[in-house]
Amino acid sequence: MSSDRERLWLRDIIDYSDDVRGFLEGMSFEQMCSDRKTVAAIERCLQCITEAAIRIGDVRMTVIAPDIPLHALRGLGNQLRHAYDAIDVRTIYDTVVDDLPPLRAACLAALEQ
């Protein structure tokens, strides 16, 4: 582990991932789409997750989560911040369901080292 700051950012990724899981619990894609508050909450969590990963840095994140495409993670964060009106909700849902669990697991493993 390189620093206390890195530990805080890893913890942010884990905690925001847990929040997203709680927001989506029991919801289908269609149910999520019909609930603007849930979509907005998930998007905010994803913004925080992407920012934490950026702060950790590409080199270190590649060590922590080598199977996570960092360019895609950074791209999602940029889209959420700068092109929020063009967000594909299906992409958000798929990211949360498919990509967030392995990212969370990798960050948890890094904290436990």
PDB file of N, CA and C in Angstrom:
ATOM      1  N   MET A   1       0.853  -1.175   0.000  1.00  0.00           N
ATOM      2  CA  MET A   1       0.000   0.000   0.000  1.00  0.00           C
ATOM      3  C   MET A   1       0.891   1.227   0.000  1.00  0.00           C
ATOM      4  N   SER A   2       0.612   2.156  -0.875  1.00  0.00           N
ATOM      5  CA  SER A   2       1.534   3.275  -1.023  1.00  0.00           C
ATOM      6  C   SER A   2       1.279   4.427  -0.066  1.00  0.00           C
ATOM      7  N   SER A   3       0.038   4.671   0.324  1.00  0.00           N
ATOM      8  CA  SER A   3      -0.186   5.821   1.184  1.00  0.00           C
ATOM      9  C   SER A   3      -1.532   5.742   1.884  1.00  0.00           C
ATOM     10  N   ASP A   4      -1.670   6.589   2.901  1.00  0.00           N
ATOM     11  CA  ASP A   4      -2.956   6.692   3.585  1.00  0.00           C
ATOM     12  C   ASP A   4      -4.017   7.253   2.644  1.00  0.00           C
ATOM     13  N   ARG A   5      -3.618   8.173   1.767  1.00  0.00           N
ATOM     14  CA  ARG A   5      -4.574   8.727   0.800  1.00  0.00           C
ATOM     15  C   ARG A   5      -5.096   7.638  -0.120  1.00  0.00           C
ATOM     16  N   GLU A   6      -4.199   6.793  -0.590  1.00  0.00           N
ATOM     17  CA  GLU A   6      -4.636   5.705  -1.460  1.00  0.00           C
ATOM     18  C   GLU A   6      -5.636   4.816  -0.741  1.00  0.00           C
ATOM     19  N   ARG A   7      -5.392   4.545   0.514  1.00  0.00           N
ATOM     20  CA  ARG A   7      -6.321   3.719   1.287  1.00  0.00           C
ATOM     21  C   ARG A   7      -7.692   4.391   1.366  1.00  0.00           C
ATOM     22  N   LEU A   8      -7.719   5.699   1.535  1.00  0.00           N
ATOM     23  CA  LEU A   8      -8.991   6.427   1.582  1.00  0.00           C
ATOM     24  C   LEU A   8      -9.716   6.349   0.242  1.00  0.00           C
ATOM     25  N   TRP A   9      -8.985   6.485  -0.846  1.00  0.00           N
ATOM     26  CA  TRP A   9      -9.599   6.421  -2.172  1.00  0.00           C
ATOM     27  C   TRP A   9     -10.094   5.011  -2.479  1.00  0.00           C
ATOM     28  N   LEU A  10      -9.337   4.004  -2.079  1.00  0.00           N
ATOM     29  CA  LEU A  10      -9.803   2.627  -2.249  1.00  0.00           C
ATOM     30  C   LEU A  10     -11.079   2.393  -1.436  1.00  0.00           C
ATOM     31  N   ARG A  11     -11.090   2.896  -0.225  1.00  0.00           N
ATOM     32  CA  ARG A  11     -12.275   2.776   0.630  1.00  0.00           C
ATOM     33  C   ARG A  11     -13.456   3.500  -0.012  1.00  0.00           C
ATOM     34  N   ASP A  12     -13.213   4.660  -0.641  1.00  0.00           N
ATOM     35  CA  ASP A  12     -14.293   5.362  -1.352  1.00  0.00           C
ATOM     36  C   ASP A  12     -14.875   4.494  -2.462  1.00  0.00           C
ATOM     37  N   ILE A  13     -14.015   3.857  -3.240  1.00  0.00           N
ATOM     38  CA  ILE A  13     -14.489   2.993  -4.325  1.00  0.00           C
ATOM     39  C   ILE A  13     -15.353   1.867  -3.764  1.00  0.00           C
ATOM     40  N   ILE A  14     -14.902   1.263  -2.680  1.00  0.00           N
ATOM     41  CA  ILE A  14     -15.650   0.172  -2.056  1.00  0.00           C
ATOM     42  C   ILE A  14     -16.986   0.673  -1.508  1.00  0.00           C
ATOM     43  N   ASP A  15     -16.944   1.768  -0.768  1.00  0.00           N
ATOM     44  CA  ASP A  15     -18.165   2.286  -0.141  1.00  0.00           C
ATOM     45  C   ASP A  15     -19.194   2.743  -1.172  1.00  0.00           C
ATOM     46  N   TYR A  16     -18.744   3.461  -2.198  1.00  0.00           N
ATOM     47  CA  TYR A  16     -19.687   3.901  -3.237  1.00  0.00           C
ATOM     48  C   TYR A  16     -20.227   2.710  -4.027  1.00  0.00           C
ATOM     49  N   SER A  17     -19.405   1.690  -4.217  1.00  0.00           N
ATOM     50  CA  SER A  17     -19.890   0.468  -4.878  1.00  0.00           C
ATOM     51  C   SER A  17     -20.976  -0.192  -4.038  1.00  0.00           C
ATOM     52  N   ASP A  18     -20.772  -0.214  -2.737  1.00  0.00           N
ATOM     53  CA  ASP A  18     -21.792  -0.772  -1.841  1.00  0.00           C
ATOM     54  C   ASP A  18     -23.079   0.051  -1.890  1.00  0.00           C
ATOM     55  N   ASP A  19     -22.930   1.372  -1.954  1.00  0.00           N
ATOM     56  CA  ASP A  19     -24.117   2.232  -2.069  1.00  0.00           C
ATOM     57  C   ASP A  19     -24.892   1.915  -3.336  1.00  0.00           C
ATOM     58  N   VAL A  20     -24.181   1.779  -4.445  1.00  0.00           N
ATOM     59  CA  VAL A  20     -24.829   1.470  -5.722  1.00  0.00           C
ATOM     60  C   VAL A  20     -25.561   0.139  -5.628  1.00  0.00           C
ATOM     61  N   ARG A  21     -24.918  -0.848  -5.063  1.00  0.00           N
ATOM     62  CA  ARG A  21     -25.553  -2.164  -4.912  1.00  0.00           C
ATOM     63  C   ARG A  21     -26.842  -2.037  -4.109  1.00  0.00           C
ATOM     64  N   GLY A  22     -26.817  -1.241  -3.054  1.00  0.00           N
ATOM     65  CA  GLY A  22     -28.015  -1.028  -2.246  1.00  0.00           C
ATOM     66  C   GLY A  22     -29.106  -0.293  -3.009  1.00  0.00           C
ATOM     67  N   PHE A  23     -28.727   0.723  -3.783  1.00  0.00           N
ATOM     68  CA  PHE A  23     -29.722   1.468  -4.564  1.00  0.00           C
ATOM     69  C   PHE A  23     -30.416   0.574  -5.580  1.00  0.00           C
ATOM     70  N   LEU A  24     -29.668  -0.360  -6.159  1.00  0.00           N
ATOM     71  CA  LEU A  24     -30.180  -1.196  -7.245  1.00  0.00           C
ATOM     72  C   LEU A  24     -30.795  -2.507  -6.770  1.00  0.00           C
ATOM     73  N   GLU A  25     -30.655  -2.800  -5.505  1.00  0.00           N
ATOM     74  CA  GLU A  25     -31.096  -4.099  -4.989  1.00  0.00           C
ATOM     75  C   GLU A  25     -32.546  -4.386  -5.351  1.00  0.00           C
ATOM     76  N   GLY A  26     -32.749  -5.522  -6.010  1.00  0.00           N
ATOM     77  CA  GLY A  26     -34.090  -5.957  -6.371  1.00  0.00           C
ATOM     78  C   GLY A  26     -34.686  -5.255  -7.573  1.00  0.00           C
ATOM     79  N   MET A  27     -33.926  -4.393  -8.232  1.00  0.00           N
ATOM     80  CA  MET A  27     -34.449  -3.641  -9.370  1.00  0.00           C
ATOM     81  C   MET A  27     -33.966  -4.221 -10.686  1.00  0.00           C
ATOM     82  N   SER A  28     -34.869  -4.272 -11.628  1.00  0.00           N
ATOM     83  CA  SER A  28     -34.497  -4.622 -12.995  1.00  0.00           C
ATOM     84  C   SER A  28     -34.016  -3.352 -13.699  1.00  0.00           C
ATOM     85  N   PHE A  29     -33.512  -3.527 -14.900  1.00  0.00           N
ATOM     86  CA  PHE A  29     -33.107  -2.381 -15.704  1.00  0.00           C
ATOM     87  C   PHE A  29     -34.295  -1.432 -15.915  1.00  0.00           C
ATOM     88  N   GLU A  30     -35.441  -1.984 -16.240  1.00  0.00           N
ATOM     89  CA  GLU A  30     -36.627  -1.163 -16.491  1.00  0.00           C
ATOM     90  C   GLU A  30     -37.059  -0.403 -15.236  1.00  0.00           C
ATOM     91  N   GLN A  31     -36.991  -1.056 -14.101  1.00  0.00           N
ATOM     92  CA  GLN A  31     -37.348  -0.385 -12.850  1.00  0.00           C
ATOM     93  C   GLN A  31     -36.379   0.741 -12.538  1.00  0.00           C
ATOM     94  N   MET A  32     -35.097   0.496 -12.765  1.00  0.00           N
ATOM     95  CA  MET A  32     -34.113   1.548 -12.536  1.00  0.00           C
ATOM     96  C   MET A  32     -34.394   2.750 -13.436  1.00  0.00           C
ATOM     97  N   CYS A  33     -34.652   2.486 -14.701  1.00  0.00           N
ATOM     98  CA  CYS A  33     -34.895   3.568 -15.663  1.00  0.00           C
ATOM     99  C   CYS A  33     -36.096   4.425 -15.284  1.00  0.00           C
ATOM    100  N   SER A  34     -37.075   3.814 -14.652  1.00  0.00           N
ATOM    101  CA  SER A  34     -38.286   4.561 -14.303  1.00  0.00           C
ATOM    102  C   SER A  34     -38.134   5.336 -12.990  1.00  0.00           C
ATOM    103  N   ASP A  35     -37.007   5.209 -12.334  1.00  0.00           N
ATOM    104  CA  ASP A  35     -36.778   5.892 -11.059  1.00  0.00           C
ATOM    105  C   ASP A  35     -35.610   6.871 -11.208  1.00  0.00           C
ATOM    106  N   ARG A  36     -35.936   8.119 -11.498  1.00  0.00           N
ATOM    107  CA  ARG A  36     -34.899   9.135 -11.734  1.00  0.00           C
ATOM    108  C   ARG A  36     -33.974   9.333 -10.537  1.00  0.00           C
ATOM    109  N   LYS A  37     -34.515   9.192  -9.329  1.00  0.00           N
ATOM    110  CA  LYS A  37     -33.670   9.356  -8.144  1.00  0.00           C
ATOM    111  C   LYS A  37     -32.605   8.269  -8.085  1.00  0.00           C
ATOM    112  N   THR A  38     -32.985   7.051  -8.407  1.00  0.00           N
ATOM    113  CA  THR A  38     -32.014   5.957  -8.393  1.00  0.00           C
ATOM    114  C   THR A  38     -30.951   6.167  -9.457  1.00  0.00           C
ATOM    115  N   VAL A  39     -31.360   6.549 -10.653  1.00  0.00           N
ATOM    116  CA  VAL A  39     -30.391   6.801 -11.724  1.00  0.00           C
ATOM    117  C   VAL A  39     -29.433   7.910 -11.312  1.00  0.00           C
ATOM    118  N   ALA A  40     -29.979   8.996 -10.773  1.00  0.00           N
ATOM    119  CA  ALA A  40     -29.130  10.121 -10.361  1.00  0.00           C
ATOM    120  C   ALA A  40     -28.169   9.714  -9.240  1.00  0.00           C
ATOM    121  N   ALA A  41     -28.651   8.941  -8.294  1.00  0.00           N
ATOM    122  CA  ALA A  41     -27.796   8.504  -7.182  1.00  0.00           C
ATOM    123  C   ALA A  41     -26.678   7.598  -7.685  1.00  0.00           C
ATOM    124  N   ILE A  42     -27.006   6.693  -8.583  1.00  0.00           N
ATOM    125  CA  ILE A  42     -25.998   5.789  -9.128  1.00  0.00           C
ATOM    126  C   ILE A  42     -24.974   6.564  -9.948  1.00  0.00           C
ATOM    127  N   GLU A  43     -25.437   7.499 -10.759  1.00  0.00           N
ATOM    128  CA  GLU A  43     -24.507   8.307 -11.548  1.00  0.00           C
ATOM    129  C   GLU A  43     -23.549   9.078 -10.637  1.00  0.00           C
ATOM    130  N   ARG A  44     -24.059   9.630  -9.559  1.00  0.00           N
ATOM    131  CA  ARG A  44     -23.193  10.365  -8.617  1.00  0.00           C
ATOM    132  C   ARG A  44     -22.158   9.435  -7.993  1.00  0.00           C
ATOM    133  N   CYS A  45     -22.572   8.256  -7.602  1.00  0.00           N
ATOM    134  CA  CYS A  45     -21.625   7.293  -7.040  1.00  0.00           C
ATOM    135  C   CYS A  45     -20.556   6.923  -8.062  1.00  0.00           C
ATOM    136  N   LEU A  46     -20.972   6.712  -9.303  1.00  0.00           N
ATOM    137  CA  LEU A  46     -20.000   6.387 -10.347  1.00  0.00           C
ATOM    138  C   LEU A  46     -19.028   7.532 -10.588  1.00  0.00           C
ATOM    139  N   GLN A  47     -19.503   8.757 -10.495  1.00  0.00           N
ATOM    140  CA  GLN A  47     -18.595   9.912 -10.606  1.00  0.00           C
ATOM    141  C   GLN A  47     -17.526   9.845  -9.510  1.00  0.00           C
ATOM    142  N   CYS A  48     -17.947   9.576  -8.308  1.00  0.00           N
ATOM    143  CA  CYS A  48     -17.010   9.505  -7.182  1.00  0.00           C
ATOM    144  C   CYS A  48     -16.038   8.337  -7.340  1.00  0.00           C
ATOM    145  N   ILE A  49     -16.536   7.208  -7.813  1.00  0.00           N
ATOM    146  CA  ILE A  49     -15.679   6.037  -8.028  1.00  0.00           C
ATOM    147  C   ILE A  49     -14.628   6.343  -9.084  1.00  0.00           C
ATOM    148  N   THR A  50     -15.052   6.940 -10.193  1.00  0.00           N
ATOM    149  CA  THR A  50     -14.087   7.247 -11.251  1.00  0.00           C
ATOM    150  C   THR A  50     -13.072   8.282 -10.779  1.00  0.00           C
ATOM    151  N   GLU A  51     -13.503   9.248 -10.002  1.00  0.00           N
ATOM    152  CA  GLU A  51     -12.567  10.260  -9.497  1.00  0.00           C
ATOM    153  C   GLU A  51     -11.559   9.636  -8.545  1.00  0.00           C
ATOM    154  N   ALA A  52     -12.006   8.738  -7.684  1.00  0.00           N
ATOM    155  CA  ALA A  52     -11.079   8.063  -6.770  1.00  0.00           C
ATOM    156  C   ALA A  52     -10.046   7.255  -7.554  1.00  0.00           C
ATOM    157  N   ALA A  53     -10.488   6.560  -8.587  1.00  0.00           N
ATOM    158  CA  ALA A  53      -9.560   5.776  -9.413  1.00  0.00           C
ATOM    159  C   ALA A  53      -8.554   6.685 -10.114  1.00  0.00           C
ATOM    160  N   ILE A  54      -9.016   7.828 -10.585  1.00  0.00           N
ATOM    161  CA  ILE A  54      -8.112   8.797 -11.228  1.00  0.00           C
ATOM    162  C   ILE A  54      -7.086   9.297 -10.228  1.00  0.00           C
ATOM    163  N   ARG A  55      -7.516   9.574  -9.012  1.00  0.00           N
ATOM    164  CA  ARG A  55      -6.594  10.064  -7.987  1.00  0.00           C
ATOM    165  C   ARG A  55      -5.556   9.012  -7.611  1.00  0.00           C
ATOM    166  N   ILE A  56      -5.951   7.754  -7.608  1.00  0.00           N
ATOM    167  CA  ILE A  56      -4.994   6.684  -7.336  1.00  0.00           C
ATOM    168  C   ILE A  56      -3.950   6.631  -8.444  1.00  0.00           C
ATOM    169  N   GLY A  57      -4.394   6.831  -9.667  1.00  0.00           N
ATOM    170  CA  GLY A  57      -3.469   6.895 -10.799  1.00  0.00           C
ATOM    171  C   GLY A  57      -3.495   5.638 -11.641  1.00  0.00           C
ATOM    172  N   ASP A  58      -3.227   5.815 -12.921  1.00  0.00           N
ATOM    173  CA  ASP A  58      -3.283   4.706 -13.871  1.00  0.00           C
ATOM    174  C   ASP A  58      -2.296   3.591 -13.535  1.00  0.00           C
ATOM    175  N   VAL A  59      -1.080   3.980 -13.183  1.00  0.00           N
ATOM    176  CA  VAL A  59      -0.058   2.962 -12.922  1.00  0.00           C
ATOM    177  C   VAL A  59      -0.461   2.091 -11.741  1.00  0.00           C
ATOM    178  N   ARG A  60      -0.853   2.715 -10.666  1.00  0.00           N
ATOM    179  CA  ARG A  60      -1.218   1.959  -9.469  1.00  0.00           C
ATOM    180  C   ARG A  60      -2.516   1.175  -9.674  1.00  0.00           C
ATOM    181  N   MET A  61      -3.499   1.789 -10.351  1.00  0.00           N
ATOM    182  CA  MET A  61      -4.757   1.090 -10.601  1.00  0.00           C
ATOM    183  C   MET A  61      -4.547  -0.128 -11.495  1.00  0.00           C
ATOM    184  N   THR A  62      -3.576  -0.065 -12.392  1.00  0.00           N
ATOM    185  CA  THR A  62      -3.267  -1.217 -13.235  1.00  0.00           C
ATOM    186  C   THR A  62      -2.741  -2.368 -12.389  1.00  0.00           C
ATOM    187  N   VAL A  63      -2.014  -2.049 -11.329  1.00  0.00           N
ATOM    188  CA  VAL A  63      -1.523  -3.079 -10.406  1.00  0.00           C
ATOM    189  C   VAL A  63      -2.683  -3.622  -9.562  1.00  0.00           C
ATOM    190  N   ILE A  64      -3.525  -2.721  -9.085  1.00  0.00           N
ATOM    191  CA  ILE A  64      -4.632  -3.102  -8.202  1.00  0.00           C
ATOM    192  C   ILE A  64      -5.696  -3.892  -8.960  1.00  0.00           C
ATOM    193  N   ALA A  65      -6.065  -3.412 -10.138  1.00  0.00           N
ATOM    194  CA  ALA A  65      -7.171  -4.010 -10.896  1.00  0.00           C
ATOM    195  C   ALA A  65      -6.767  -4.177 -12.359  1.00  0.00           C
ATOM    196  N   PRO A  66      -5.880  -5.136 -12.635  1.00  0.00           N
ATOM    197  CA  PRO A  66      -5.360  -5.266 -13.999  1.00  0.00           C
ATOM    198  C   PRO A  66      -6.408  -5.642 -15.040  1.00  0.00           C
ATOM    199  N   ASP A  67      -7.524  -6.214 -14.624  1.00  0.00           N
ATOM    200  CA  ASP A  67      -8.554  -6.633 -15.575  1.00  0.00           C
ATOM    201  C   ASP A  67      -9.602  -5.552 -15.856  1.00  0.00           C
ATOM    202  N   ILE A  68      -9.486  -4.428 -15.178  1.00  0.00           N
ATOM    203  CA  ILE A  68     -10.435  -3.333 -15.372  1.00  0.00           C
ATOM    204  C   ILE A  68      -9.867  -2.388 -16.427  1.00  0.00           C
ATOM    205  N   PRO A  69     -10.611  -2.122 -17.492  1.00  0.00           N
ATOM    206  CA  PRO A  69     -10.124  -1.194 -18.522  1.00  0.00           C
ATOM    207  C   PRO A  69     -10.177   0.253 -18.014  1.00  0.00           C
ATOM    208  N   LEU A  70      -9.033   0.757 -17.596  1.00  0.00           N
ATOM    209  CA  LEU A  70      -8.988   2.080 -16.975  1.00  0.00           C
ATOM    210  C   LEU A  70      -9.400   3.191 -17.933  1.00  0.00           C
ATOM    211  N   HIS A  71      -9.088   3.038 -19.216  1.00  0.00           N
ATOM    212  CA  HIS A  71      -9.501   4.063 -20.166  1.00  0.00           C
ATOM    213  C   HIS A  71     -11.027   4.155 -20.234  1.00  0.00           C
ATOM    214  N   ALA A  72     -11.692   3.025 -20.114  1.00  0.00           N
ATOM    215  CA  ALA A  72     -13.151   3.020 -20.124  1.00  0.00           C
ATOM    216  C   ALA A  72     -13.701   3.637 -18.835  1.00  0.00           C
ATOM    217  N   LEU A  73     -13.054   3.341 -17.716  1.00  0.00           N
ATOM    218  CA  LEU A  73     -13.461   3.921 -16.437  1.00  0.00           C
ATOM    219  C   LEU A  73     -13.295   5.432 -16.457  1.00  0.00           C
ATOM    220  N   ARG A  74     -12.160   5.893 -16.931  1.00  0.00           N
ATOM    221  CA  ARG A  74     -11.910   7.333 -17.037  1.00  0.00           C
ATOM    222  C   ARG A  74     -12.911   7.970 -18.010  1.00  0.00           C
ATOM    223  N   GLY A  75     -13.180   7.281 -19.123  1.00  0.00           N
ATOM    224  CA  GLY A  75     -14.129   7.791 -20.105  1.00  0.00           C
ATOM    225  C   GLY A  75     -15.531   7.924 -19.538  1.00  0.00           C
ATOM    226  N   LEU A  76     -15.946   6.952 -18.746  1.00  0.00           N
ATOM    227  CA  LEU A  76     -17.254   7.032 -18.114  1.00  0.00           C
ATOM    228  C   LEU A  76     -17.323   8.229 -17.179  1.00  0.00           C
ATOM    229  N   GLY A  77     -16.278   8.428 -16.402  1.00  0.00           N
ATOM    230  CA  GLY A  77     -16.250   9.581 -15.499  1.00  0.00           C
ATOM    231  C   GLY A  77     -16.337  10.892 -16.264  1.00  0.00           C
ATOM    232  N   ASN A  78     -15.598  10.991 -17.349  1.00  0.00           N
ATOM    233  CA  ASN A  78     -15.650  12.206 -18.162  1.00  0.00           C
ATOM    234  C   ASN A  78     -17.042  12.424 -18.738  1.00  0.00           C
ATOM    235  N   GLN A  79     -17.658  11.355 -19.200  1.00  0.00           N
ATOM    236  CA  GLN A  79     -19.001  11.482 -19.761  1.00  0.00           C
ATOM    237  C   GLN A  79     -19.997  11.907 -18.682  1.00  0.00           C
ATOM    238  N   LEU A  80     -19.888  11.331 -17.503  1.00  0.00           N
ATOM    239  CA  LEU A  80     -20.792  11.705 -16.416  1.00  0.00           C
ATOM    240  C   LEU A  80     -20.622  13.170 -16.024  1.00  0.00           C
ATOM    241  N   ARG A  81     -19.396  13.663 -16.086  1.00  0.00           N
ATOM    242  CA  ARG A  81     -19.140  15.047 -15.697  1.00  0.00           C
ATOM    243  C   ARG A  81     -19.429  16.054 -16.817  1.00  0.00           C
ATOM    244  N   HIS A  82     -19.129  15.682 -18.050  1.00  0.00           N
ATOM    245  CA  HIS A  82     -19.146  16.678 -19.118  1.00  0.00           C
ATOM    246  C   HIS A  82     -20.199  16.437 -20.198  1.00  0.00           C
ATOM    247  N   ALA A  83     -20.714  15.230 -20.304  1.00  0.00           N
ATOM    248  CA  ALA A  83     -21.721  14.928 -21.321  1.00  0.00           C
ATOM    249  C   ALA A  83     -22.889  14.175 -20.692  1.00  0.00           C
ATOM    250  N   TYR A  84     -23.279  14.657 -19.516  1.00  0.00           N
ATOM    251  CA  TYR A  84     -24.319  13.983 -18.749  1.00  0.00           C
ATOM    252  C   TYR A  84     -25.633  13.856 -19.513  1.00  0.00           C
ATOM    253  N   ASP A  85     -25.876  14.756 -20.446  1.00  0.00           N
ATOM    254  CA  ASP A  85     -27.122  14.725 -21.200  1.00  0.00           C
ATOM    255  C   ASP A  85     -27.127  13.660 -22.295  1.00  0.00           C
ATOM    256  N   ALA A  86     -25.977  13.032 -22.507  1.00  0.00           N
ATOM    257  CA  ALA A  86     -25.875  12.000 -23.544  1.00  0.00           C
ATOM    258  C   ALA A  86     -25.601  10.623 -22.957  1.00  0.00           C
ATOM    259  N   ILE A  87     -25.811  10.475 -21.675  1.00  0.00           N
ATOM    260  CA  ILE A  87     -25.540   9.203 -21.005  1.00  0.00           C
ATOM    261  C   ILE A  87     -26.547   8.149 -21.448  1.00  0.00           C
ATOM    262  N   ASP A  88     -26.049   6.994 -21.782  1.00  0.00           N
ATOM    263  CA  ASP A  88     -26.879   5.842 -22.096  1.00  0.00           C
ATOM    264  C   ASP A  88     -27.123   5.085 -20.795  1.00  0.00           C
ATOM    265  N   VAL A  89     -28.352   5.056 -20.352  1.00  0.00           N
ATOM    266  CA  VAL A  89     -28.673   4.431 -19.068  1.00  0.00           C
ATOM    267  C   VAL A  89     -28.346   2.942 -19.097  1.00  0.00           C
ATOM    268  N   ARG A  90     -28.429   2.321 -20.249  1.00  0.00           N
ATOM    269  CA  ARG A  90     -28.070   0.900 -20.359  1.00  0.00           C
ATOM    270  C   ARG A  90     -26.591   0.712 -20.032  1.00  0.00           C
ATOM    271  N   THR A  91     -25.748   1.631 -20.492  1.00  0.00           N
ATOM    272  CA  THR A  91     -24.317   1.570 -20.179  1.00  0.00           C
ATOM    273  C   THR A  91     -24.096   1.682 -18.678  1.00  0.00           C
ATOM    274  N   ILE A  92     -24.823   2.577 -18.040  1.00  0.00           N
ATOM    275  CA  ILE A  92     -24.713   2.739 -16.588  1.00  0.00           C
ATOM    276  C   ILE A  92     -25.097   1.427 -15.900  1.00  0.00           C
ATOM    277  N   TYR A  93     -26.216   0.866 -16.281  1.00  0.00           N
ATOM    278  CA  TYR A  93     -26.687  -0.375 -15.663  1.00  0.00           C
ATOM    279  C   TYR A  93     -25.684  -1.512 -15.870  1.00  0.00           C
ATOM    280  N   ASP A  94     -25.234  -1.670 -17.099  1.00  0.00           N
ATOM    281  CA  ASP A  94     -24.277  -2.742 -17.400  1.00  0.00           C
ATOM    282  C   ASP A  94     -22.967  -2.557 -16.639  1.00  0.00           C
ATOM    283  N   THR A  95     -22.525  -1.319 -16.516  1.00  0.00           N
ATOM    284  CA  THR A  95     -21.300  -1.029 -15.764  1.00  0.00           C
ATOM    285  C   THR A  95     -21.467  -1.444 -14.301  1.00  0.00           C
ATOM    286  N   VAL A  96     -22.599  -1.087 -13.737  1.00  0.00           N
ATOM    287  CA  VAL A  96     -22.858  -1.397 -12.327  1.00  0.00           C
ATOM    288  C   VAL A  96     -22.938  -2.907 -12.105  1.00  0.00           C
ATOM    289  N   VAL A  97     -23.602  -3.599 -12.996  1.00  0.00           N
ATOM    290  CA  VAL A  97     -23.820  -5.037 -12.821  1.00  0.00           C
ATOM    291  C   VAL A  97     -22.563  -5.844 -13.168  1.00  0.00           C
ATOM    292  N   ASP A  98     -21.877  -5.464 -14.249  1.00  0.00           N
ATOM    293  CA  ASP A  98     -20.770  -6.276 -14.756  1.00  0.00           C
ATOM    294  C   ASP A  98     -19.390  -5.841 -14.260  1.00  0.00           C
ATOM    295  N   ASP A  99     -19.167  -4.545 -14.166  1.00  0.00           N
ATOM    296  CA  ASP A  99     -17.812  -4.040 -13.915  1.00  0.00           C
ATOM    297  C   ASP A  99     -17.541  -3.621 -12.477  1.00  0.00           C
ATOM    298  N   LEU A 100     -18.575  -3.166 -11.791  1.00  0.00           N
ATOM    299  CA  LEU A 100     -18.352  -2.688 -10.428  1.00  0.00           C
ATOM    300  C   LEU A 100     -17.966  -3.794  -9.447  1.00  0.00           C
ATOM    301  N   PRO A 101     -18.592  -4.974  -9.481  1.00  0.00           N
ATOM    302  CA  PRO A 101     -18.195  -6.015  -8.521  1.00  0.00           C
ATOM    303  C   PRO A 101     -16.717  -6.411  -8.607  1.00  0.00           C
ATOM    304  N   PRO A 102     -16.145  -6.631  -9.810  1.00  0.00           N
ATOM    305  CA  PRO A 102     -14.715  -6.972  -9.820  1.00  0.00           C
ATOM    306  C   PRO A 102     -13.818  -5.803  -9.416  1.00  0.00           C
ATOM    307  N   LEU A 103     -14.228  -4.582  -9.725  1.00  0.00           N
ATOM    308  CA  LEU A 103     -13.444  -3.421  -9.286  1.00  0.00           C
ATOM    309  C   LEU A 103     -13.460  -3.334  -7.766  1.00  0.00           C
ATOM    310  N   ARG A 104     -14.626  -3.510  -7.179  1.00  0.00           N
ATOM    311  CA  ARG A 104     -14.753  -3.479  -5.716  1.00  0.00           C
ATOM    312  C   ARG A 104     -13.883  -4.564  -5.083  1.00  0.00           C
ATOM    313  N   ALA A 105     -13.958  -5.772  -5.624  1.00  0.00           N
ATOM    314  CA  ALA A 105     -13.180  -6.894  -5.084  1.00  0.00           C
ATOM    315  C   ALA A 105     -11.682  -6.620  -5.172  1.00  0.00           C
ATOM    316  N   ALA A 106     -11.241  -6.047  -6.275  1.00  0.00           N
ATOM    317  CA  ALA A 106      -9.810  -5.738  -6.438  1.00  0.00           C
ATOM    318  C   ALA A 106      -9.379  -4.684  -5.436  1.00  0.00           C
ATOM    319  N   CYS A 107     -10.216  -3.677  -5.219  1.00  0.00           N
ATOM    320  CA  CYS A 107      -9.872  -2.626  -4.259  1.00  0.00           C
ATOM    321  C   CYS A 107      -9.861  -3.173  -2.826  1.00  0.00           C
ATOM    322  N   LEU A 108     -10.792  -4.038  -2.517  1.00  0.00           N
ATOM    323  CA  LEU A 108     -10.813  -4.665  -1.198  1.00  0.00           C
ATOM    324  C   LEU A 108      -9.564  -5.507  -0.968  1.00  0.00           C
ATOM    325  N   ALA A 109      -9.172  -6.264  -1.987  1.00  0.00           N
ATOM    326  CA  ALA A 109      -7.957  -7.080  -1.875  1.00  0.00           C
ATOM    327  C   ALA A 109      -6.734  -6.185  -1.672  1.00  0.00           C
ATOM    328  N   ALA A 110      -6.680  -5.063  -2.347  1.00  0.00           N
ATOM    329  CA  ALA A 110      -5.541  -4.139  -2.192  1.00  0.00           C
ATOM    330  C   ALA A 110      -5.497  -3.561  -0.781  1.00  0.00           C
ATOM    331  N   LEU A 111      -6.657  -3.285  -0.216  1.00  0.00           N
ATOM    332  CA  LEU A 111      -6.698  -2.774   1.169  1.00  0.00           C
ATOM    333  C   LEU A 111      -6.225  -3.820   2.171  1.00  0.00           C
ATOM    334  N   GLU A 112      -6.486  -5.064   1.881  1.00  0.00           N
ATOM    335  CA  GLU A 112      -6.135  -6.134   2.820  1.00  0.00           C
ATOM    336  C   GLU A 112      -4.667  -6.548   2.736  1.00  0.00           C
ATOM    337  N   GLN A 113      -3.950  -6.028   1.778  1.00  0.00           N
ATOM    338  CA  GLN A 113      -2.525  -6.374   1.641  1.00  0.00           C
ATOM    339  C   GLN A 113      -1.701  -5.661   2.692  1.00  0.00           C
TER     340      GLN A 113
END
